[in-house]
C-alpha atoms as a PDB file:
ATOM      1  CA  MET A   1     -34.145 -23.335  17.222  1.00  0.00           C
ATOM      2  CA  SER A   2     -31.854 -25.210  14.793  1.00  0.00           C
ATOM      3  CA  LEU A   3     -28.409 -24.027  13.746  1.00  0.00           C
ATOM      4  CA  LEU A   4     -29.856 -23.087  10.362  1.00  0.00           C
ATOM      5  CA  ASP A   5     -32.454 -20.801  11.930  1.00  0.00           C
ATOM      6  CA  THR A   6     -29.927 -18.181  13.071  1.00  0.00           C
ATOM      7  CA  PRO A   7     -28.521 -17.253   9.623  1.00  0.00           C
ATOM      8  CA  ARG A   8     -32.036 -17.349   8.181  1.00  0.00           C
ATOM      9  CA  ARG A   9     -33.272 -15.022  10.886  1.00  0.00           C
ATOM     10  CA  LEU A  10     -30.302 -12.685  10.401  1.00  0.00           C
ATOM     11  CA  LEU A  11     -30.843 -12.645   6.637  1.00  0.00           C
ATOM     12  CA  HIS A  12     -34.540 -11.866   7.160  1.00  0.00           C
ATOM     13  CA  GLU A  13     -33.705  -9.043   9.583  1.00  0.00           C
ATOM     14  CA  TRP A  14     -31.138  -7.581   7.167  1.00  0.00           C
ATOM     15  CA  SER A  15     -33.593  -7.795   4.263  1.00  0.00           C
ATOM     16  CA  THR A  16     -36.322  -6.127   6.333  1.00  0.00           C
ATOM     17  CA  ARG A  17     -34.005  -3.290   7.384  1.00  0.00           C
ATOM     18  CA  ARG A  18     -32.980  -2.680   3.772  1.00  0.00           C
ATOM     19  CA  LYS A  19     -36.603  -2.650   2.603  1.00  0.00           C
ATOM     20  CA  ASN A  20     -37.567  -0.262   5.403  1.00  0.00           C
ATOM     21  CA  GLN A  21     -34.671   2.046   4.553  1.00  0.00           C
ATOM     22  CA  ARG A  22     -35.761   2.156   0.914  1.00  0.00           C
ATOM     23  CA  THR A  23     -39.340   2.938   1.908  1.00  0.00           C
ATOM     24  CA  ILE A  24     -38.330   5.822   4.190  1.00  0.00           C
ATOM     25  CA  ALA A  25     -35.936   7.187   1.565  1.00  0.00           C
ATOM     26  CA  ALA A  26     -38.683   7.054  -1.074  1.00  0.00           C
ATOM     27  CA  LEU A  27     -41.075   8.834   1.283  1.00  0.00           C
ATOM     28  CA  GLU A  28     -38.579  11.593   2.082  1.00  0.00           C
ATOM     29  CA  SER A  29     -37.929  12.074  -1.630  1.00  0.00           C
ATOM     30  CA  GLN A  30     -41.654  12.305  -2.377  1.00  0.00           C
ATOM     31  CA  LEU A  31     -42.255  14.772   0.437  1.00  0.00           C
ATOM     32  CA  GLU A  32     -39.689  17.128  -1.075  1.00  0.00           C
ATOM     33  CA  THR A  33     -42.111  17.617  -3.979  1.00  0.00           C
ATOM     34  CA  ARG A  34     -45.761  18.598  -4.204  1.00  0.00           C
ATOM     35  CA  ASP A  35     -46.593  15.455  -6.188  1.00  0.00           C
ATOM     36  CA  PRO A  36     -49.520  13.193  -5.241  1.00  0.00           C
ATOM     37  CA  ILE A  37     -49.132  10.407  -2.688  1.00  0.00           C
ATOM     38  CA  LEU A  38     -51.190   7.227  -2.733  1.00  0.00           C
ATOM     39  CA  LEU A  39     -51.774   6.240   0.872  1.00  0.00           C
ATOM     40  CA  VAL A  40     -53.406   3.041   2.113  1.00  0.00           C
ATOM     41  CA  HIS A  41     -54.679   4.515   5.362  1.00  0.00           C
ATOM     42  CA  GLN A  42     -56.894   2.289   7.464  1.00  0.00           C
ATOM     43  CA  MET A  43     -57.416   0.262  10.612  1.00  0.00           C
ATOM     44  CA  GLY A  44     -55.205  -2.778  11.016  1.00  0.00           C
ATOM     45  CA  ARG A  45     -56.369  -6.321  10.250  1.00  0.00           C
ATOM     46  CA  ALA A  46     -58.569  -5.237   7.357  1.00  0.00           C
ATOM     47  CA  GLY A  47     -56.565  -6.296   4.317  1.00  0.00           C
ATOM     48  CA  SER A  48     -54.149  -3.362   4.314  1.00  0.00           C
ATOM     49  CA  MET A  49     -51.015  -5.314   3.316  1.00  0.00           C
ATOM     50  CA  THR A  50     -52.945  -7.216   0.664  1.00  0.00           C
ATOM     51  CA  THR A  51     -53.985  -3.861  -0.797  1.00  0.00           C
ATOM     52  CA  VAL A  52     -50.512  -2.313  -0.517  1.00  0.00           C
ATOM     53  CA  ASN A  53     -48.783  -5.261  -2.169  1.00  0.00           C
ATOM     54  CA  SER A  54     -51.428  -5.519  -4.906  1.00  0.00           C
ATOM     55  CA  LEU A  55     -51.020  -1.829  -5.775  1.00  0.00           C
ATOM     56  CA  ARG A  56     -47.228  -2.046  -5.766  1.00  0.00           C
ATOM     57  CA  GLN A  57     -47.260  -5.088  -8.014  1.00  0.00           C
ATOM     58  CA  ALA A  58     -49.620  -3.334 -10.433  1.00  0.00           C
ATOM     59  CA  GLY A  59     -46.815  -1.034 -11.592  1.00  0.00           C
ATOM     60  CA  LEU A  60     -48.460   2.276 -10.702  1.00  0.00           C
ATOM     61  CA  THR A  61     -46.583   5.498 -11.322  1.00  0.00           C
ATOM     62  CA  LEU A  62     -47.713   6.803  -7.921  1.00  0.00           C
ATOM     63  CA  PRO A  63     -45.683   5.759  -4.856  1.00  0.00           C
ATOM     64  CA  VAL A  64     -47.694   3.701  -2.384  1.00  0.00           C
ATOM     65  CA  PHE A  65     -47.328   4.129   1.387  1.00  0.00           C
ATOM     66  CA  HIS A  66     -49.170   2.597   4.310  1.00  0.00           C
ATOM     67  CA  THR A  67     -50.413   4.007   7.620  1.00  0.00           C
ATOM     68  CA  HIS A  68     -52.890   3.111  10.347  1.00  0.00           C
ATOM     69  CA  THR A  69     -52.959   6.470  12.110  1.00  0.00           C
ATOM     70  CA  LEU A  70     -52.186  10.094  11.306  1.00  0.00           C
ATOM     71  CA  TYR A  71     -54.209  11.598  14.135  1.00  0.00           C
ATOM     72  CA  PRO A  72     -51.578  13.595  16.076  1.00  0.00           C
ATOM     73  CA  GLU A  73     -52.526  12.412  19.564  1.00  0.00           C
ATOM     74  CA  THR A  74     -52.563   8.758  18.529  1.00  0.00           C
ATOM     75  CA  VAL A  75     -49.218   9.078  16.735  1.00  0.00           C
ATOM     76  CA  ARG A  76     -47.694  10.627  19.866  1.00  0.00           C
ATOM     77  CA  GLU A  77     -49.113   7.847  22.041  1.00  0.00           C
ATOM     78  CA  ARG A  78     -47.622   5.138  19.838  1.00  0.00           C
ATOM     79  CA  LEU A  79     -44.274   6.880  19.623  1.00  0.00           C
ATOM     80  CA  ALA A  80     -44.207   7.043  23.432  1.00  0.00           C
ATOM     81  CA  LEU A  81     -44.540   3.243  23.572  1.00  0.00           C
ATOM     82  CA  VAL A  82     -41.309   2.778  21.590  1.00  0.00           C
ATOM     83  CA  ALA A  83     -39.482   5.851  22.876  1.00  0.00           C
ATOM     84  CA  GLN A  84     -36.752   3.743  24.489  1.00  0.00           C
ATOM     85  CA  LEU A  85     -35.841   2.157  21.129  1.00  0.00           C
ATOM     86  CA  PRO A  86     -33.677   3.763  18.429  1.00  0.00           C
ATOM     87  CA  GLU A  87     -35.760   5.084  15.546  1.00  0.00           C
ATOM     88  CA  SER A  88     -34.377   2.416  13.213  1.00  0.00           C
ATOM     89  CA  ARG A  89     -36.164  -0.185  15.339  1.00  0.00           C
ATOM     90  CA  HIS A  90     -39.528   1.580  15.331  1.00  0.00           C
ATOM     91  CA  PRO A  91     -42.138  -0.288  13.272  1.00  0.00           C
ATOM     92  CA  LEU A  92     -42.010   0.901   9.673  1.00  0.00           C
ATOM     93  CA  ASN A  93     -45.699   1.774   9.716  1.00  0.00           C
ATOM     94  CA  LEU A  94     -45.163   4.062  12.705  1.00  0.00           C
ATOM     95  CA  ARG A  95     -42.126   5.724  11.123  1.00  0.00           C
ATOM     96  CA  VAL A  96     -44.188   6.501   8.022  1.00  0.00           C
ATOM     97  CA  SER A  97     -47.060   7.761  10.196  1.00  0.00           C
ATOM     98  CA  ARG A  98     -44.748  10.056  12.166  1.00  0.00           C
ATOM     99  CA  ARG A  99     -43.271  11.593   9.015  1.00  0.00           C
ATOM    100  CA  ILE A 100     -46.572  12.105   7.182  1.00  0.00           C
ATOM    101  CA  ALA A 101     -48.289  13.434  10.316  1.00  0.00           C
ATOM    102  CA  ALA A 102     -45.488  15.997  10.650  1.00  0.00           C
ATOM    103  CA  GLU A 103     -45.958  16.956   6.994  1.00  0.00           C
ATOM    104  CA  LEU A 104     -49.705  17.438   7.488  1.00  0.00           C
ATOM    105  CA  GLU A 105     -49.168  19.490  10.641  1.00  0.00           C
ATOM    106  CA  ALA A 106     -46.606  21.737   8.962  1.00  0.00           C
ATOM    107  CA  ARG A 107     -48.216  22.162   5.549  1.00  0.00           C
ATOM    108  CA  GLY A 108     -51.862  21.165   5.933  1.00  0.00           C
ATOM    109  CA  ASN A 109     -53.799  18.496   4.077  1.00  0.00           C
ATOM    110  CA  ARG A 110     -54.122  20.436   0.806  1.00  0.00           C
ATOM    111  CA  TYR A 111     -50.428  21.116   0.118  1.00  0.00           C
ATOM    112  CA  ARG A 112     -50.337  18.146  -2.254  1.00  0.00           C
ATOM    113  CA  PRO A 113     -53.023  15.869  -3.775  1.00  0.00           C
ATOM    114  CA  TRP A 114     -53.749  12.851  -1.579  1.00  0.00           C
ATOM    115  CA  LYS A 115     -55.139   9.581  -2.889  1.00  0.00           C
ATOM    116  CA  LEU A 116     -56.432   7.647   0.117  1.00  0.00           C
ATOM    117  CA  VAL A 117     -57.530   4.008   0.181  1.00  0.00           C
ATOM    118  CA  THR A 118     -59.420   2.775   3.236  1.00  0.00           C
ATOM    119  CA  ILE A 119     -60.811  -0.724   3.772  1.00  0.00           C
ATOM    120  CA  PHE A 120     -63.300  -1.549   6.510  1.00  0.00           C
ATOM    121  CA  ARG A 121     -64.345  -4.850   8.040  1.00  0.00           C
ATOM    122  CA  ASP A 122     -66.968  -6.290  10.369  1.00  0.00           C
ATOM    123  CA  PRO A 123     -65.769  -4.685  13.634  1.00  0.00           C
ATOM    124  CA  VAL A 124     -66.086  -7.875  15.677  1.00  0.00           C
ATOM    125  CA  ALA A 125     -64.092  -9.935  13.170  1.00  0.00           C
ATOM    126  CA  ARG A 126     -61.458  -7.210  13.013  1.00  0.00           C
ATOM    127  CA  ASN A 127     -61.165  -7.017  16.802  1.00  0.00           C
ATOM    128  CA  ILE A 128     -60.746 -10.779  17.144  1.00  0.00           C
ATOM    129  CA  SER A 129     -58.084 -10.822  14.428  1.00  0.00           C
ATOM    130  CA  GLU A 130     -56.122  -8.026  16.088  1.00  0.00           C
ATOM    131  CA  PHE A 131     -56.484  -9.686  19.489  1.00  0.00           C
ATOM    132  CA  PHE A 132     -54.778 -12.842  18.267  1.00  0.00           C
ATOM    133  CA  LEU A 133     -52.126 -10.907  16.354  1.00  0.00           C
ATOM    134  CA  SER A 134     -51.180  -9.058  19.567  1.00  0.00           C
ATOM    135  CA  ILE A 135     -52.135 -11.758  22.045  1.00  0.00           C
ATOM    136  CA  GLU A 136     -48.950 -11.399  24.127  1.00  0.00           C
ATOM    137  CA  ASP A 137     -50.012  -7.830  24.927  1.00  0.00           C
ATOM    138  CA  TYR A 138     -53.017  -9.282  26.756  1.00  0.00           C
ATOM    139  CA  ILE A 139     -51.532 -12.588  27.961  1.00  0.00           C
ATOM    140  CA  PRO A 140     -47.836 -11.789  28.549  1.00  0.00           C
ATOM    141  CA  ASP A 141     -46.871 -15.427  29.231  1.00  0.00           C
ATOM    142  CA  PHE A 142     -48.975 -16.714  26.337  1.00  0.00           C
ATOM    143  CA  ALA A 143     -46.236 -18.859  24.727  1.00  0.00           C
ATOM    144  CA  ARG A 144     -45.491 -20.736  27.958  1.00  0.00           C
ATOM    145  CA  LEU A 145     -49.137 -21.240  28.848  1.00  0.00           C
ATOM    146  CA  ASP A 146     -49.899 -22.435  25.330  1.00  0.00           C
ATOM    147  CA  ARG A 147     -47.025 -24.957  25.387  1.00  0.00           C
ATOM    148  CA  GLN A 148     -48.272 -26.273  28.711  1.00  0.00           C
ATOM    149  CA  GLY A 149     -51.834 -26.577  27.405  1.00  0.00           C
ATOM    150  CA  ARG A 150     -53.112 -24.210  30.075  1.00  0.00           C
ATOM    151  CA  LEU A 151     -55.192 -21.957  27.828  1.00  0.00           C
ATOM    152  CA  ASP A 152     -58.734 -22.869  26.926  1.00  0.00           C
ATOM    153  CA  HIS A 153     -61.495 -21.202  24.935  1.00  0.00           C
ATOM    154  CA  ALA A 154     -63.223 -19.755  27.999  1.00  0.00           C
ATOM    155  CA  GLN A 155     -60.023 -18.079  29.225  1.00  0.00           C
ATOM    156  CA  LEU A 156     -59.335 -16.582  25.818  1.00  0.00           C
ATOM    157  CA  LEU A 157     -62.897 -15.303  25.536  1.00  0.00           C
ATOM    158  CA  ASP A 158     -62.780 -13.709  28.993  1.00  0.00           C
ATOM    159  CA  THR A 159     -59.446 -12.044  28.209  1.00  0.00           C
ATOM    160  CA  PHE A 160     -60.723 -10.785  24.869  1.00  0.00           C
ATOM    161  CA  LEU A 161     -63.898  -9.317  26.367  1.00  0.00           C
ATOM    162  CA  GLU A 162     -62.237  -7.787  29.418  1.00  0.00           C
ATOM    163  CA  LYS A 163     -58.883  -6.494  28.147  1.00  0.00           C
ATOM    164  CA  PHE A 164     -59.134  -5.697  24.437  1.00  0.00           C
ATOM    165  CA  PRO A 165     -59.917  -1.993  23.628  1.00  0.00           C
ATOM    166  CA  HIS A 166     -63.028  -2.806  21.598  1.00  0.00           C
ATOM    167  CA  GLU A 167     -64.401   0.710  21.067  1.00  0.00           C
ATOM    168  CA  GLN A 168     -61.056   2.250  20.216  1.00  0.00           C
ATOM    169  CA  ARG A 169     -61.361   1.658  16.472  1.00  0.00           C
ATOM    170  CA  LEU A 170     -65.020   2.678  16.197  1.00  0.00           C
ATOM    171  CA  GLY A 171     -63.999   6.351  16.203  1.00  0.00           C
ATOM    172  CA  TRP A 172     -61.349   5.829  13.543  1.00  0.00           C
ATOM    173  CA  VAL A 173     -63.391   7.437  10.755  1.00  0.00           C
ATOM    174  CA  GLU A 174     -63.994  10.618  12.742  1.00  0.00           C
ATOM    175  CA  ARG A 175     -60.345  10.945  13.827  1.00  0.00           C
ATOM    176  CA  GLU A 176     -58.420   9.739  10.813  1.00  0.00           C
ATOM    177  CA  LEU A 177     -60.564  10.841   7.875  1.00  0.00           C
ATOM    178  CA  GLU A 178     -62.924  13.580   9.018  1.00  0.00           C
ATOM    179  CA  THR A 179     -60.488  15.384  11.353  1.00  0.00           C
ATOM    180  CA  VAL A 180     -57.147  14.774   9.613  1.00  0.00           C
ATOM    181  CA  PHE A 181     -58.359  15.204   6.019  1.00  0.00           C
ATOM    182  CA  ASP A 182     -61.595  17.218   6.469  1.00  0.00           C
ATOM    183  CA  LEU A 183     -63.638  14.545   4.696  1.00  0.00           C
ATOM    184  CA  ASP A 184     -67.370  14.211   5.338  1.00  0.00           C
ATOM    185  CA  VAL A 185     -67.594  10.412   5.256  1.00  0.00           C
ATOM    186  CA  TYR A 186     -70.728   9.847   7.318  1.00  0.00           C
ATOM    187  CA  GLY A 187     -72.488  12.698   5.555  1.00  0.00           C
ATOM    188  CA  GLN A 188     -72.531  10.719   2.307  1.00  0.00           C
ATOM    189  CA  THR A 189     -74.407   7.513   1.580  1.00  0.00           C
ATOM    190  CA  PHE A 190     -72.151   4.473   1.256  1.00  0.00           C
ATOM    191  CA  ALA A 191     -72.821   2.244  -1.758  1.00  0.00           C
ATOM    192  CA  ARG A 192     -73.400  -0.932   0.242  1.00  0.00           C
ATOM    193  CA  GLN A 193     -74.438  -3.097  -2.697  1.00  0.00           C
ATOM    194  CA  GLU A 194     -71.294  -2.291  -4.679  1.00  0.00           C
ATOM    195  CA  GLY A 195     -69.102  -2.576  -1.590  1.00  0.00           C
ATOM    196  CA  PHE A 196     -67.072   0.515  -2.422  1.00  0.00           C
ATOM    197  CA  GLN A 197     -67.380   4.270  -2.787  1.00  0.00           C
ATOM    198  CA  VAL A 198     -65.209   7.084  -4.141  1.00  0.00           C
ATOM    199  CA  ILE A 199     -65.375  10.452  -2.375  1.00  0.00           C
ATOM    200  CA  ARG A 200     -63.656  13.329  -4.167  1.00  0.00           C
ATOM    201  CA  ALA A 201     -62.925  16.568  -2.340  1.00  0.00           C
ATOM    202  CA  ASP A 202     -60.607  19.526  -2.853  1.00  0.00           C
ATOM    203  CA  GLY A 203     -57.128  17.995  -2.922  1.00  0.00           C
ATOM    204  CA  VAL A 204     -58.175  14.654  -1.425  1.00  0.00           C
ATOM    205  CA  ASP A 205     -59.689  11.624  -3.150  1.00  0.00           C
ATOM    206  CA  LEU A 206     -60.828   8.730  -0.979  1.00  0.00           C
ATOM    207  CA  LEU A 207     -61.665   5.171  -1.986  1.00  0.00           C
ATOM    208  CA  ILE A 208     -63.605   3.215   0.639  1.00  0.00           C
ATOM    209  CA  LEU A 209     -64.012  -0.546   0.322  1.00  0.00           C
ATOM    210  CA  ARG A 210     -65.471  -3.247   2.513  1.00  0.00           C
ATOM    211  CA  ILE A 211     -63.272  -6.291   2.935  1.00  0.00           C
ATOM    212  CA  GLU A 212     -66.305  -8.562   2.605  1.00  0.00           C
ATOM    213  CA  HIS A 213     -66.621  -7.357  -1.026  1.00  0.00           C
ATOM    214  CA  LEU A 214     -62.917  -6.951  -1.758  1.00  0.00           C
ATOM    215  CA  ASN A 215     -62.440  -9.933  -4.061  1.00  0.00           C
ATOM    216  CA  GLN A 216     -65.495  -9.029  -6.150  1.00  0.00           C
ATOM    217  CA  SER A 217     -65.144  -5.250  -6.267  1.00  0.00           C
ATOM    218  CA  PHE A 218     -61.442  -4.349  -6.168  1.00  0.00           C
ATOM    219  CA  GLN A 219     -61.004  -4.172  -9.957  1.00  0.00           C
ATOM    220  CA  ALA A 220     -64.058  -1.965 -10.507  1.00  0.00           C
ATOM    221  CA  ALA A 221     -63.144   0.130  -7.470  1.00  0.00           C
ATOM    222  CA  PHE A 222     -59.611   0.955  -8.589  1.00  0.00           C
ATOM    223  CA  ARG A 223     -60.737   1.446 -12.179  1.00  0.00           C
ATOM    224  CA  ASP A 224     -63.176   4.089 -10.917  1.00  0.00           C
ATOM    225  CA  PHE A 225     -60.700   5.576  -8.421  1.00  0.00           C
ATOM    226  CA  LEU A 226     -57.426   5.685 -10.376  1.00  0.00           C
ATOM    227  CA  GLY A 227     -58.421   4.693 -13.908  1.00  0.00           C
ATOM    228  CA  VAL A 228     -56.116   1.653 -13.778  1.00  0.00           C
ATOM    229  CA  GLU A 229     -56.525  -2.106 -13.902  1.00  0.00           C
ATOM    230  CA  ILE A 230     -55.371  -4.086 -10.880  1.00  0.00           C
ATOM    231  CA  PRO A 231     -54.945  -7.594 -12.293  1.00  0.00           C
ATOM    232  CA  ASP A 232     -55.060  -9.584  -9.056  1.00  0.00           C
ATOM    233  CA  LEU A 233     -54.941  -9.336  -5.281  1.00  0.00           C
ATOM    234  CA  ALA A 234     -51.732 -10.371  -3.520  1.00  0.00           C
ATOM    235  CA  HIS A 235     -53.177 -11.894  -0.345  1.00  0.00           C
ATOM    236  CA  THR A 236     -50.806 -11.442   2.594  1.00  0.00           C
ATOM    237  CA  HIS A 237     -50.845 -11.045   6.391  1.00  0.00           C
ATOM    238  CA  ILE A 238     -53.780 -13.399   6.882  1.00  0.00           C
ATOM    239  CA  THR A 239     -54.325 -14.343  10.523  1.00  0.00           C
ATOM    240  CA  GLU A 240     -54.787 -17.986   9.576  1.00  0.00           C
ATOM    241  CA  GLN A 241     -51.108 -17.978   8.522  1.00  0.00           C
ATOM    242  CA  ASP A 242     -49.860 -16.618  11.871  1.00  0.00           C
ATOM    243  CA  PRO A 243     -48.401 -18.886  14.595  1.00  0.00           C
ATOM    244  CA  THR A 244     -51.693 -18.700  16.524  1.00  0.00           C
ATOM    245  CA  ARG A 245     -53.743 -19.733  13.473  1.00  0.00           C
ATOM    246  CA  ALA A 246     -55.146 -22.958  14.939  1.00  0.00           C
ATOM    247  CA  MET A 247     -56.198 -21.241  18.153  1.00  0.00           C
ATOM    248  CA  TYR A 248     -57.662 -18.328  16.186  1.00  0.00           C
ATOM    249  CA  ARG A 249     -59.601 -20.685  13.918  1.00  0.00           C
ATOM    250  CA  ASP A 250     -61.010 -22.650  16.847  1.00  0.00           C
ATOM    251  CA  PHE A 251     -61.909 -19.446  18.671  1.00  0.00           C
ATOM    252  CA  VAL A 252     -63.829 -18.067  15.679  1.00  0.00           C
ATOM    253  CA  ARG A 253     -65.646 -21.356  15.132  1.00  0.00           C
ATOM    254  CA  GLY A 254     -66.703 -21.634  18.754  1.00  0.00           C
ATOM    255  CA  ALA A 255     -67.302 -17.976  19.569  1.00  0.00           C
ATOM    256  CA  VAL A 256     -70.524 -17.162  21.403  1.00  0.00           C
ATOM    257  CA  LEU A 257     -70.337 -13.482  22.254  1.00  0.00           C
ATOM    258  CA  PRO A 258     -72.683 -11.723  24.704  1.00  0.00           C
ATOM    259  CA  SER A 259     -75.526  -9.724  23.197  1.00  0.00           C
ATOM    260  CA  THR A 260     -74.421  -6.714  25.243  1.00  0.00           C
ATOM    261  CA  TYR A 261     -71.044  -6.832  23.510  1.00  0.00           C
ATOM    262  CA  LEU A 262     -72.628  -7.200  20.079  1.00  0.00           C
ATOM    263  CA  ASP A 263     -74.834  -4.190  20.842  1.00  0.00           C
ATOM    264  CA  ARG A 264     -71.691  -2.133  21.622  1.00  0.00           C
ATOM    265  CA  MET A 265     -70.181  -3.058  18.261  1.00  0.00           C
ATOM    266  CA  TYR A 266     -73.215  -2.952  15.978  1.00  0.00           C
ATOM    267  CA  ASP A 267     -75.452  -0.229  17.435  1.00  0.00           C
ATOM    268  CA  THR A 268     -72.917   2.324  16.194  1.00  0.00           C
ATOM    269  CA  ASP A 269     -72.557   4.962  13.499  1.00  0.00           C
ATOM    270  CA  PHE A 270     -69.764   2.897  11.964  1.00  0.00           C
ATOM    271  CA  ALA A 271     -71.719  -0.339  11.550  1.00  0.00           C
ATOM    272  CA  GLY A 272     -74.929   1.405  10.553  1.00  0.00           C
ATOM    273  CA  HIS A 273     -73.190   3.431   7.847  1.00  0.00           C
ATOM    274  CA  PHE A 274     -71.244   0.662   6.113  1.00  0.00           C
ATOM    275  CA  TYR A 275     -73.566  -2.328   6.575  1.00  0.00           C
ATOM    276  CA  THR A 276     -77.239  -2.956   5.937  1.00  0.00           C
ATOM    277  CA  PRO A 277     -79.565  -4.038   8.772  1.00  0.00           C
ATOM    278  CA  GLU A 278     -79.670  -7.489   7.168  1.00  0.00           C
ATOM    279  CA  GLU A 279     -75.884  -7.743   7.102  1.00  0.00           C
ATOM    280  CA  ILE A 280     -75.640  -6.640  10.728  1.00  0.00           C
ATOM    281  CA  ALA A 281     -78.248  -9.241  11.677  1.00  0.00           C
ATOM    282  CA  ALA A 282     -76.146 -11.887   9.901  1.00  0.00           C
ATOM    283  CA  PHE A 283     -73.050 -10.770  11.806  1.00  0.00           C
ATOM    284  CA  ARG A 284     -74.969 -11.020  15.074  1.00  0.00           C
ATOM    285  CA  ARG A 285     -76.083 -14.575  14.248  1.00  0.00           C
ATOM    286  CA  LYS A 286     -72.537 -15.545  13.329  1.00  0.00           C
ATOM    287  CA  TRP A 287     -71.110 -14.411  16.666  1.00  0.00           C
ATOM    288  CA  SER A 288     -74.035 -15.773  18.697  1.00  0.00           C
ATOM    289  CA  THR A 289     -73.951 -19.366  17.441  1.00  0.00           C
ATOM    290  CA  PRO A 290     -70.928 -21.696  17.262  1.00  0.00           C
ATOM    291  CA  GLU A 291     -70.278 -23.400  13.932  1.00  0.00           C
END
């Protein structure tokens, strides 16, 4: 680390704290009213920050917040992992989740209008992306081993298959949308060709998009959902821009995943609802044959 890195890091940390403080203050102010909240609520590594930043830059009158979980048990589990830290050092996403989950528990999910945006992604691609984002959770001495050139593709693949919680996200729809917001997602046919769907219920409107169609469908989707024009997508938080990008890219290009694993991911309600049999077959081919 150079001498210039320290002030840059401190400036970044200060800027992040200030931004987080403004977000929490805006959320608290909004929760004092019964006004609508626009919530990008979805699994991680599926374009959530791209969506959040695009909506914020579009100049909407609605405040935009971002969560990955509001299911009470999951929120409690994640809070337990950071319990030893002061709240100011909790991840912003978790702080927002904790506050909104408390609001829902106290007042129910119909106290105010909710505008929910949820983006889904090929579950195997999403799992691999999250694995590399959190790789030190699975290989604690990753940085040292990587510097020493002691990690190869086979080791990474074995660690991914054996340690990553692959099925954990497959029940996300049931927990986070059907249970928390009483939305019947699987009971309605998803518009696979358009790549998005709007579900309107009493007090809750939900926009569902697939990331594979995001670039083509986001303008039509938000025009239908909110009646506004989103001029462009602000692409952020792309795994290829993370420090592990080269390793991630090589892993994806060379991945040959067992058919038993692909069955676990694709013979599911989630995959069968949001993707056609032809699309699932294409996913299977992609993860069965190296580029």
